[in-house]
């Protein structure tokens, strides 16, 4: 983007707050904010309407700002102001937590101007509109998957943009969020004695989310579940993986106490899925 859309907005907004506002702003001001929308905007130039949108953003009225930016797009659809207003519209809607409209505006920008310098920011806003809606781990994670997909697009399509690093960070956090969902369900089954169902959830974390912060606990929970089922080879192997990769964690200490209290060792045994992961750990092919 030309100097960054947010930085550009900041400079203009500051100027608007300290300088005399154009005649249009004076005409739009009044005790009732709704009066502004009753004006015939067709009598104003696109830059005047756009300026009003920036003014509304500067005073924290993001929904009003989005309205004026959308009016520029509606009244002057083929102008450069419409193009600039579209990306600002996506930004304003996001500021107003109107994520659906923010996504729609961002997607239109990407569709209309895929090679423009602000396309990366539009894709980033689209990703944020999903990411900022990621809820508690106990709820449906459909938005998390959509956030991951949109963030991946930023990373892969715009790797040199100023948003790539932020997208990578948020991708990792969303990825960790999904692992947390699996852990929550696994712990639920474990507490109720549904050990096989719990193992299936913890296995997903170990195999598919091994780079997240939940892996050490998942291995310890596998030790607990396999011990409860009397599957000691699997329990010891899970403990061995913990010892090799997470020996400094409390989860390792808990597994060590649990296994040694039964006369067992933290050692890979048997030929099971955990034994394969242990061999991969030794070769540096896991994590």
Protein backbone atom coordinates (compact mmCIF):
# COMPACT_ATOMS: atom_id res chain seq x y z
CA UNK A 1 0.00 0.00 0.00
CA UNK A 2 1.03 3.63 -0.51
CA UNK A 3 2.71 4.27 2.82
CA UNK A 4 0.31 1.83 4.51
CA UNK A 5 -3.42 2.40 4.66
CA UNK A 6 -3.45 2.78 8.43
CA UNK A 7 -0.55 5.26 8.47
CA UNK A 8 -2.17 7.21 5.66
CA UNK A 9 -5.43 7.33 7.59
CA UNK A 10 -3.64 8.44 10.74
CA UNK A 11 -2.00 11.41 9.04
CA UNK A 12 -5.19 12.57 7.36
CA UNK A 13 -7.32 12.03 10.43
CA UNK A 14 -4.97 14.12 12.56
CA UNK A 15 -5.13 16.91 10.04
CA UNK A 16 -8.89 16.82 9.98
CA UNK A 17 -9.09 17.13 13.72
CA UNK A 18 -6.93 20.21 13.99
CA UNK A 19 -7.81 22.03 10.78
CA UNK A 20 -11.00 23.71 9.64
CA UNK A 21 -13.30 21.13 8.09
CA UNK A 22 -14.61 21.54 4.55
CA UNK A 23 -18.03 22.98 3.89
CA UNK A 24 -19.33 19.46 3.45
CA UNK A 25 -18.46 18.53 7.02
CA UNK A 26 -20.14 21.61 8.31
CA UNK A 27 -23.23 20.80 6.31
CA UNK A 28 -23.26 17.28 7.74
CA UNK A 29 -22.81 18.31 11.36
CA UNK A 30 -25.76 18.63 13.63
CA UNK A 31 -27.29 17.52 16.89
CA UNK A 32 -28.82 14.44 15.27
CA UNK A 33 -26.21 12.22 13.60
CA UNK A 34 -28.92 10.58 11.51
CA UNK A 35 -29.50 13.87 9.73
CA UNK A 36 -26.21 13.38 7.88
CA UNK A 37 -27.59 10.41 6.02
CA UNK A 38 -30.55 12.44 4.80
CA UNK A 39 -28.32 14.73 2.77
CA UNK A 40 -28.28 14.34 -1.00
CA UNK A 41 -24.74 13.03 -1.36
CA UNK A 42 -24.98 13.23 -5.13
CA UNK A 43 -24.35 16.96 -4.81
CA UNK A 44 -20.91 16.35 -3.28
CA UNK A 45 -17.69 15.29 -4.96
CA UNK A 46 -16.17 11.86 -4.22
CA UNK A 47 -13.25 13.36 -2.34
CA UNK A 48 -15.64 15.31 -0.11
CA UNK A 49 -17.63 12.17 0.74
CA UNK A 50 -14.42 10.24 1.28
CA UNK A 51 -13.16 12.99 3.57
CA UNK A 52 -16.32 12.70 5.61
CA UNK A 53 -15.66 8.99 6.02
CA UNK A 54 -12.18 9.71 7.34
CA UNK A 55 -13.61 12.28 9.71
CA UNK A 56 -16.05 9.72 11.12
CA UNK A 57 -13.20 7.24 11.57
CA UNK A 58 -11.16 9.87 13.40
CA UNK A 59 -13.96 10.40 15.92
CA UNK A 60 -14.56 6.67 16.42
CA UNK A 61 -17.72 6.36 14.35
CA UNK A 62 -16.61 3.39 12.28
CA UNK A 63 -20.10 2.38 11.15
CA UNK A 64 -20.75 5.92 9.90
CA UNK A 65 -17.39 5.95 8.17
CA UNK A 66 -18.21 2.69 6.39
CA UNK A 67 -21.46 4.24 5.15
CA UNK A 68 -19.68 7.21 3.55
CA UNK A 69 -17.01 5.04 1.98
CA UNK A 70 -19.71 2.79 0.55
CA UNK A 71 -21.48 5.84 -0.87
CA UNK A 72 -18.33 6.83 -2.73
CA UNK A 73 -18.25 3.37 -4.26
CA UNK A 74 -21.96 3.56 -5.13
CA UNK A 75 -21.99 7.06 -6.60
CA UNK A 76 -18.60 7.03 -8.32
CA UNK A 77 -17.99 3.33 -9.07
CA UNK A 78 -15.32 3.82 -11.75
CA UNK A 79 -13.25 6.48 -10.03
CA UNK A 80 -9.97 6.13 -8.18
CA UNK A 81 -11.85 7.31 -5.12
CA UNK A 82 -14.12 4.26 -5.35
CA UNK A 83 -11.10 1.97 -5.33
CA UNK A 84 -9.61 3.70 -2.30
CA UNK A 85 -12.99 3.84 -0.57
CA UNK A 86 -13.50 0.10 -0.99
CA UNK A 87 -10.41 -0.83 1.01
CA UNK A 88 -11.29 1.81 3.63
CA UNK A 89 -14.80 0.42 3.73
CA UNK A 90 -13.42 -3.01 4.62
CA UNK A 91 -11.25 -1.40 7.31
CA UNK A 92 -14.11 0.66 8.77
CA UNK A 93 -16.48 -2.31 8.89
CA UNK A 94 -13.82 -4.32 10.69
CA UNK A 95 -13.31 -1.53 13.19
CA UNK A 96 -17.07 -1.57 13.78
CA UNK A 97 -16.89 -5.37 14.32
CA UNK A 98 -19.20 -5.85 11.34
CA UNK A 99 -17.13 -8.77 10.13
CA UNK A 100 -19.50 -10.02 7.48
CA UNK A 101 -19.54 -6.69 5.64
CA UNK A 102 -15.81 -6.29 6.16
CA UNK A 103 -15.26 -9.65 4.47
CA UNK A 104 -17.57 -8.71 1.62
CA UNK A 105 -15.79 -5.42 0.96
CA UNK A 106 -12.35 -7.01 1.21
CA UNK A 107 -13.34 -9.79 -1.16
CA UNK A 108 -14.70 -7.29 -3.69
CA UNK A 109 -11.39 -5.45 -3.56
CA UNK A 110 -9.47 -8.67 -4.18
CA UNK A 111 -11.81 -9.58 -7.05
CA UNK A 112 -11.65 -6.14 -8.70
CA UNK A 113 -7.99 -5.27 -8.02
CA UNK A 114 -6.08 -8.55 -7.54
CA UNK A 115 -2.73 -7.06 -8.54
CA UNK A 116 -3.07 -3.76 -6.70
CA UNK A 117 -0.63 -2.94 -3.92
CA UNK A 118 -3.48 -2.89 -1.38
CA UNK A 119 -4.66 -6.40 -2.36
CA UNK A 120 -2.42 -7.91 0.33
CA UNK A 121 -4.05 -5.71 2.96
CA UNK A 122 -7.51 -6.65 1.67
CA UNK A 123 -6.64 -10.34 2.04
CA UNK A 124 -5.24 -9.69 5.50
CA UNK A 125 -8.45 -7.89 6.53
CA UNK A 126 -10.48 -10.79 5.17
CA UNK A 127 -8.42 -13.19 7.29
CA UNK A 128 -8.79 -10.96 10.35
CA UNK A 129 -12.56 -10.92 9.92
CA UNK A 130 -12.47 -14.67 10.64
CA UNK A 131 -9.60 -14.64 13.11
CA UNK A 132 -11.15 -11.99 15.36
CA UNK A 133 -14.28 -14.11 15.64
CA UNK A 134 -12.50 -17.20 16.90
CA UNK A 135 -14.37 -18.04 20.04
CA UNK A 136 -13.65 -20.06 23.14
CA UNK A 137 -12.20 -23.52 22.50
CA UNK A 138 -15.41 -25.13 23.74
CA UNK A 139 -17.41 -23.93 20.76
CA UNK A 140 -17.57 -24.85 17.08
CA UNK A 141 -14.27 -24.15 15.36
CA UNK A 142 -15.51 -23.59 11.80
CA UNK A 143 -14.33 -19.98 11.86
CA UNK A 144 -10.89 -21.15 12.98
CA UNK A 145 -10.56 -23.32 9.87
CA UNK A 146 -11.66 -20.40 7.69
CA UNK A 147 -9.19 -18.09 9.43
CA UNK A 148 -6.39 -20.58 8.81
CA UNK A 149 -7.26 -20.82 5.14
CA UNK A 150 -7.39 -17.04 4.69
CA UNK A 151 -4.18 -16.49 6.66
CA UNK A 152 -2.43 -19.14 4.58
CA UNK A 153 -3.41 -17.17 1.47
CA UNK A 154 -1.71 -14.06 2.88
CA UNK A 155 1.41 -16.06 3.66
CA UNK A 156 1.61 -17.87 0.32
CA UNK A 157 0.29 -15.27 -2.12
CA UNK A 158 1.82 -12.18 -0.47
CA UNK A 159 4.98 -13.52 1.23
CA UNK A 160 6.86 -10.23 0.80
CA UNK A 161 4.08 -8.00 2.11
CA UNK A 162 4.22 -6.23 5.46
CA UNK A 163 1.36 -8.46 6.65
CA UNK A 164 3.04 -11.84 6.08
CA UNK A 165 4.79 -11.99 9.47
CA UNK A 166 1.63 -11.05 11.34
CA UNK A 167 -0.30 -13.64 9.34
CA UNK A 168 2.24 -16.31 10.28
CA UNK A 169 1.91 -15.45 13.97
CA UNK A 170 -1.88 -15.52 13.84
CA UNK A 171 -1.82 -18.76 11.83
CA UNK A 172 0.23 -20.40 14.59
CA UNK A 173 -2.15 -19.10 17.27
CA UNK A 174 -5.21 -20.33 15.37
CA UNK A 175 -3.51 -23.68 14.81
CA UNK A 176 -2.83 -23.90 18.55
CA UNK A 177 -6.49 -23.05 19.11
CA UNK A 178 -7.60 -26.09 17.13
CA UNK A 179 -5.28 -28.32 19.13
CA UNK A 180 -6.82 -26.89 22.28
CA UNK A 181 -10.22 -27.96 21.02
CA UNK A 182 -9.01 -31.55 20.60
CA UNK A 183 -7.49 -31.48 24.07
CA UNK A 184 -10.67 -30.23 25.67
CA UNK A 185 -12.71 -33.03 24.13
CA UNK A 186 -10.05 -35.59 25.01
CA UNK A 187 -10.00 -34.49 28.65
CA UNK A 188 -13.79 -34.68 28.72
CA UNK A 189 -13.71 -38.33 27.60
CA UNK A 190 -10.83 -39.13 29.95
CA UNK A 191 -12.68 -37.79 33.00
CA UNK A 192 -15.66 -39.99 32.14
CA UNK A 193 -13.65 -43.12 31.62
CA UNK A 194 -14.09 -43.24 27.84
CA UNK A 195 -10.43 -44.04 27.36
CA UNK A 196 -10.46 -45.14 23.72
CA UNK A 197 -12.33 -41.99 22.66
CA UNK A 198 -9.89 -39.88 24.69
CA UNK A 199 -6.89 -41.61 23.10
CA UNK A 200 -8.23 -40.83 19.63
CA UNK A 201 -8.34 -37.11 20.45
CA UNK A 202 -4.91 -36.98 22.05
CA UNK A 203 -3.48 -38.93 19.11
CA UNK A 204 -4.73 -36.21 16.75
CA UNK A 205 -2.79 -33.62 18.74
CA UNK A 206 0.40 -35.70 18.78
CA UNK A 207 0.25 -36.56 15.08
CA UNK A 208 -1.29 -33.45 13.52
CA UNK A 209 -0.58 -30.62 15.99
CA UNK A 210 2.81 -31.65 17.36
CA UNK A 211 4.26 -28.14 17.01
CA UNK A 212 1.64 -26.60 19.30
CA UNK A 213 1.84 -25.94 23.02
CA UNK A 214 -0.50 -28.85 23.77
CA UNK A 215 1.68 -31.77 22.68
CA UNK A 216 3.38 -32.45 26.02
CA UNK A 217 0.06 -32.64 27.84
CA UNK A 218 -1.40 -34.83 25.09
CA UNK A 219 1.44 -37.33 25.60
CA UNK A 220 0.91 -37.34 29.35
CA UNK A 221 -2.83 -37.89 28.88
CA UNK A 222 -2.00 -40.80 26.59
CA UNK A 223 0.09 -42.27 29.42
CA UNK A 224 -2.90 -41.94 31.75
CA UNK A 225 -5.40 -43.41 29.28
CA UNK A 226 -3.22 -46.34 28.21
CA UNK A 227 -2.39 -47.13 31.85
CA UNK A 228 -6.11 -47.19 32.62
CA UNK A 229 -6.62 -49.71 29.80
CA UNK A 230 -3.66 -51.83 30.90
CA UNK A 231 -1.78 -51.10 27.66
CA UNK A 232 1.60 -50.62 29.28
CA UNK A 233 3.74 -50.75 26.14
CA UNK A 234 1.91 -47.77 24.70
CA UNK A 235 1.98 -45.94 28.05
CA UNK A 236 5.74 -46.42 28.43
CA UNK A 237 6.38 -45.35 24.85
CA UNK A 238 4.36 -42.16 25.32
CA UNK A 239 6.44 -41.51 28.41
CA UNK A 240 9.64 -42.11 26.45
CA UNK A 241 8.60 -39.49 23.86
CA UNK A 242 7.91 -37.08 26.69
CA UNK A 243 11.32 -37.77 28.18
CA UNK A 244 13.09 -37.23 24.89
CA UNK A 245 11.31 -34.02 23.87
CA UNK A 246 9.80 -32.46 27.01
CA UNK A 247 11.90 -33.58 29.97
CA UNK A 248 11.83 -30.11 31.53
CA UNK A 249 8.02 -29.99 31.72
CA UNK A 250 5.70 -30.84 34.59
CA UNK A 251 3.89 -33.24 32.23
CA UNK A 252 7.05 -35.35 32.03
CA UNK A 253 7.39 -35.35 35.81
CA UNK A 254 3.76 -36.44 36.22
CA UNK A 255 4.18 -39.27 33.71
CA UNK A 256 7.46 -40.31 35.34
CA UNK A 257 5.78 -40.61 38.75
CA UNK A 258 2.78 -42.47 37.33
CA UNK A 259 4.85 -45.01 35.39
CA UNK A 260 7.56 -45.63 38.00
CA UNK A 261 4.95 -46.05 40.73
CA UNK A 262 3.82 -49.15 38.79
CA UNK A 263 7.36 -50.40 38.29
CA UNK A 264 7.38 -49.26 34.64
CA UNK A 265 10.00 -47.34 32.69
CA UNK A 266 9.80 -44.47 30.25
CA UNK A 267 11.05 -46.60 27.41
CA UNK A 268 9.77 -47.32 23.92
CA UNK A 269 8.25 -50.78 23.79
CA UNK A 270 6.32 -52.81 21.26
CA UNK A 271 5.45 -51.93 17.68
CA UNK A 272 2.67 -49.34 17.84
CA UNK A 273 1.98 -45.89 16.41
CA UNK A 274 3.81 -44.24 19.31
CA UNK A 275 6.91 -46.38 18.69
CA UNK A 276 7.08 -44.96 15.18
CA UNK A 277 6.91 -41.41 16.54
CA UNK A 278 9.65 -42.24 19.04
CA UNK A 279 11.91 -43.44 16.22
CA UNK A 280 11.14 -40.28 14.29
CA UNK A 281 12.11 -38.22 17.34
CA UNK A 282 15.47 -39.92 17.52
CA UNK A 283 16.07 -39.14 13.85
CA UNK A 284 14.93 -35.54 14.25
CA UNK A 285 11.97 -36.14 11.93
CA UNK A 286 9.28 -35.33 14.50
CA UNK A 287 8.44 -31.82 15.71
